[in-house]
Amino acid sequence: MSVTEIDRDPLLTLTRWHAEARERGAVEPDAMTLATVSDGRPSARIVLFKGLASGKIQFVTNYESRKGREIEQNPQVALVFFWVETMKQVRVEGRAERASADESDRYFASRPRESQLGAWASDQSRVVISRQELEARFAETERRFDGTRVERPPHWGLYSVLPEVVELWSSRPHRLHDRLRYQLHGTSWSVDRLFP
């Protein structure tokens, strides 16, 4: 990967690499690690990539979950995609913000009904006494919305991450991997090759 052969926008490469992982049969090509920081303590978990919108990387969560609360305290986050099937990785540093209510409503309406009900039934990240309590809450939610459309909960929606730094990593022989770091300056990207 030479600097003259690469995309000037790293999100084009992300899109291409994501499609390549899907074509190669990646078990979960949408999986990405989301890292947040609260009070100087980092926390990471896997979330699912929900696509790009206006140059931002999207995922969904409960706004009142641990990650939602941490993003409210400190919107600077990191994302990592890794596809073992292609031995490629994308690292992202940027700022997370809630997407618009309209975007969240449209996405919520596209989800399977059971997933919509689950968003209402789960107080994500809070203590639940037993599995039976969770299942009882789901059953109660099913009864509540029986025969009606499930509206998006006000505490649930899309987040958008505006990338500020993106690093593309591709495995090469002898640990001479390709590493390209992009940095956003206004509306354009600079790119540097890094030692592996």
Protein backbone atom coordinates (compact mmCIF):
# COMPACT_ATOMS: atom_id res chain seq x y z
CA MET A 1 0.00 0.00 0.00
CA SER A 2 1.83 3.11 -1.16
CA VAL A 3 0.70 6.58 -0.18
CA THR A 4 0.08 7.36 -3.86
CA GLU A 5 -2.25 4.34 -4.23
CA ILE A 6 -4.46 4.89 -1.20
CA ASP A 7 -7.77 6.69 -0.80
CA ARG A 8 -7.49 10.33 0.23
CA ASP A 9 -10.41 9.71 2.60
CA PRO A 10 -9.81 6.81 5.02
CA LEU A 11 -13.56 6.18 5.34
CA LEU A 12 -13.54 5.00 1.71
CA THR A 13 -10.94 2.42 2.70
CA LEU A 14 -12.97 1.47 5.78
CA THR A 15 -16.01 0.89 3.56
CA ARG A 16 -14.01 -1.22 1.12
CA TRP A 17 -12.29 -3.28 3.84
CA HIS A 18 -15.63 -3.85 5.60
CA ALA A 19 -17.15 -5.16 2.34
CA GLU A 20 -14.09 -7.36 1.75
CA ALA A 21 -14.42 -8.90 5.24
CA ARG A 22 -18.10 -9.61 4.57
CA GLU A 23 -17.25 -11.22 1.21
CA ARG A 24 -14.58 -13.37 2.89
CA GLY A 25 -17.17 -14.73 5.31
CA ALA A 26 -16.25 -12.81 8.46
CA VAL A 27 -18.32 -14.16 11.35
CA GLU A 28 -19.34 -10.65 12.46
CA PRO A 29 -17.94 -8.04 10.06
CA ASP A 30 -19.87 -5.25 11.85
CA ALA A 31 -18.19 -5.87 15.23
CA MET A 32 -16.09 -2.97 16.48
CA THR A 33 -14.59 -2.15 19.83
CA LEU A 34 -15.79 1.10 21.41
CA ALA A 35 -13.58 2.59 24.13
CA THR A 36 -14.75 5.38 26.42
CA VAL A 37 -13.08 7.15 29.33
CA SER A 38 -14.71 8.35 32.54
CA ASP A 39 -12.80 9.86 35.46
CA GLY A 40 -9.54 8.72 33.85
CA ARG A 41 -10.65 5.06 33.70
CA PRO A 42 -10.94 3.49 30.23
CA SER A 43 -13.70 1.03 29.41
CA ALA A 44 -14.08 -0.99 26.19
CA ARG A 45 -16.75 -3.23 24.71
CA ILE A 46 -17.90 -4.56 21.34
CA VAL A 47 -20.72 -2.74 19.57
CA LEU A 48 -22.05 -3.15 16.03
CA PHE A 49 -21.18 -0.80 13.17
CA LYS A 50 -24.39 0.66 11.75
CA GLY A 51 -22.85 2.36 8.74
CA LEU A 52 -21.65 5.80 7.77
CA ALA A 53 -23.75 8.96 7.64
CA SER A 54 -22.32 12.33 6.62
CA GLY A 55 -18.76 11.14 7.25
CA LYS A 56 -19.58 9.76 10.71
CA ILE A 57 -19.45 6.19 12.00
CA GLN A 58 -22.68 5.05 13.64
CA PHE A 59 -23.67 2.59 16.36
CA VAL A 60 -26.70 2.25 18.66
CA THR A 61 -27.12 1.99 22.41
CA ASN A 62 -29.20 2.89 25.41
CA TYR A 63 -28.28 6.47 26.32
CA GLU A 64 -28.48 5.52 30.01
CA SER A 65 -26.06 2.56 29.68
CA ARG A 66 -22.54 2.83 31.02
CA LYS A 67 -21.18 3.79 27.61
CA GLY A 68 -23.95 6.33 27.10
CA ARG A 69 -23.26 7.96 30.46
CA GLU A 70 -19.50 7.97 29.81
CA ILE A 71 -19.97 9.58 26.38
CA GLU A 72 -22.06 12.31 28.02
CA GLN A 73 -19.17 12.99 30.44
CA ASN A 74 -16.44 12.74 27.80
CA PRO A 75 -17.41 12.49 24.11
CA GLN A 76 -13.87 11.55 23.00
CA VAL A 77 -13.95 7.87 22.04
CA ALA A 78 -11.89 5.27 20.19
CA LEU A 79 -13.11 2.56 17.83
CA VAL A 80 -11.28 -0.51 16.54
CA PHE A 81 -12.31 -2.81 13.69
CA PHE A 82 -10.32 -6.03 13.20
CA TRP A 83 -11.08 -8.66 10.61
CA VAL A 84 -9.01 -11.80 11.13
CA GLU A 85 -10.23 -13.15 7.76
CA THR A 86 -8.38 -10.36 5.95
CA MET A 87 -5.82 -9.48 8.64
CA LYS A 88 -6.76 -5.82 8.47
CA GLN A 89 -7.50 -3.34 11.24
CA VAL A 90 -8.91 0.19 11.38
CA ARG A 91 -8.39 2.35 14.48
CA VAL A 92 -10.43 5.53 14.93
CA GLU A 93 -10.23 8.37 17.43
CA GLY A 94 -12.99 10.93 17.40
CA ARG A 95 -15.92 12.67 19.02
CA ALA A 96 -19.25 10.92 19.65
CA GLU A 97 -22.60 12.66 19.65
CA ARG A 98 -26.22 11.56 19.51
CA ALA A 99 -27.60 11.36 15.99
CA SER A 100 -30.83 13.22 15.28
CA ALA A 101 -34.10 11.85 16.63
CA ASP A 102 -35.30 11.35 13.04
CA GLU A 103 -32.26 9.19 12.20
CA SER A 104 -32.75 7.14 15.36
CA ASP A 105 -36.48 6.75 14.66
CA ARG A 106 -35.80 5.52 11.11
CA TYR A 107 -33.20 3.04 12.27
CA PHE A 108 -35.38 1.78 15.14
CA ALA A 109 -38.30 1.21 12.73
CA SER A 110 -36.03 -1.02 10.60
CA ARG A 111 -35.19 -3.38 13.48
CA PRO A 112 -36.98 -6.68 14.09
CA ARG A 113 -39.94 -6.31 16.46
CA GLU A 114 -38.27 -8.50 19.11
CA SER A 115 -35.23 -6.21 19.12
CA GLN A 116 -37.51 -3.20 19.45
CA LEU A 117 -39.20 -4.81 22.45
CA GLY A 118 -35.82 -5.68 23.95
CA ALA A 119 -34.80 -2.01 23.87
CA TRP A 120 -37.78 -1.26 26.14
CA ALA A 121 -37.35 -4.31 28.40
CA SER A 122 -33.67 -3.83 29.27
CA ASP A 123 -32.28 -1.20 31.64
CA GLN A 124 -28.89 -1.68 30.01
CA SER A 125 -25.87 -1.82 32.35
CA ARG A 126 -28.01 -1.85 35.51
CA VAL A 127 -28.21 -4.78 37.93
CA VAL A 128 -30.91 -7.38 37.22
CA ILE A 129 -31.73 -9.90 39.94
CA SER A 130 -32.11 -12.93 37.65
CA ARG A 131 -32.58 -14.09 34.08
CA GLN A 132 -36.22 -14.75 34.98
CA GLU A 133 -36.70 -11.06 35.84
CA LEU A 134 -35.33 -10.05 32.42
CA GLU A 135 -37.58 -12.52 30.63
CA ALA A 136 -40.59 -11.39 32.67
CA ARG A 137 -39.90 -7.77 31.70
CA PHE A 138 -39.73 -8.80 28.04
CA ALA A 139 -43.05 -10.65 28.33
CA GLU A 140 -44.61 -7.60 30.03
CA THR A 141 -43.30 -5.39 27.21
CA GLU A 142 -44.80 -7.77 24.61
CA ARG A 143 -48.20 -7.44 26.33
CA ARG A 144 -47.85 -3.64 26.54
CA PHE A 145 -47.29 -3.30 22.79
CA ASP A 146 -49.59 -6.16 21.72
CA GLY A 147 -51.23 -5.19 18.44
CA THR A 148 -49.52 -1.80 18.26
CA ARG A 149 -46.43 -0.33 16.67
CA VAL A 150 -43.38 -0.21 18.96
CA GLU A 151 -42.16 3.38 19.27
CA ARG A 152 -38.48 4.09 19.88
CA PRO A 153 -37.74 4.49 23.59
CA PRO A 154 -36.58 8.03 24.44
CA HIS A 155 -33.48 6.53 26.11
CA TRP A 156 -32.29 4.62 23.02
CA GLY A 157 -30.77 5.71 19.72
CA LEU A 158 -27.93 6.13 17.28
CA TYR A 159 -24.60 7.70 18.11
CA SER A 160 -22.38 9.20 15.42
CA VAL A 161 -18.61 9.37 15.76
CA LEU A 162 -16.81 12.07 13.79
CA PRO A 163 -13.36 10.61 13.08
CA GLU A 164 -10.41 12.91 13.80
CA VAL A 165 -7.62 10.31 13.51
CA VAL A 166 -7.87 7.07 11.52
CA GLU A 167 -5.14 4.45 11.30
CA LEU A 168 -5.23 1.73 8.67
CA TRP A 169 -3.23 -1.43 9.41
CA SER A 170 -2.71 -4.31 7.01
CA SER A 171 -0.67 -7.42 7.80
CA ARG A 172 2.45 -8.03 5.72
CA PRO A 173 5.21 -10.66 5.92
CA HIS A 174 8.09 -10.40 8.40
CA ARG A 175 6.12 -7.99 10.63
CA LEU A 176 6.66 -5.27 8.02
CA HIS A 177 2.98 -4.34 8.23
CA ASP A 178 1.46 -1.36 6.47
CA ARG A 179 0.37 1.41 8.86
CA LEU A 180 -1.11 4.63 7.53
CA ARG A 181 -2.28 7.36 9.90
CA TYR A 182 -4.79 9.92 8.68
CA GLN A 183 -5.47 13.15 10.58
CA LEU A 184 -8.39 15.43 9.84
CA HIS A 185 -7.64 19.12 9.27
CA GLY A 186 -10.88 20.99 8.69
CA THR A 187 -12.41 19.03 5.82
CA SER A 188 -9.29 17.36 4.43
CA TRP A 189 -7.05 14.52 5.58
CA SER A 190 -3.28 14.36 5.87
CA VAL A 191 -1.68 10.92 5.78
CA ASP A 192 1.60 9.56 7.14
CA ARG A 193 3.15 6.12 6.94
CA LEU A 194 4.15 4.77 10.37
CA PHE A 195 6.75 2.16 11.28
CA PRO A 196 4.91 -1.10 12.04
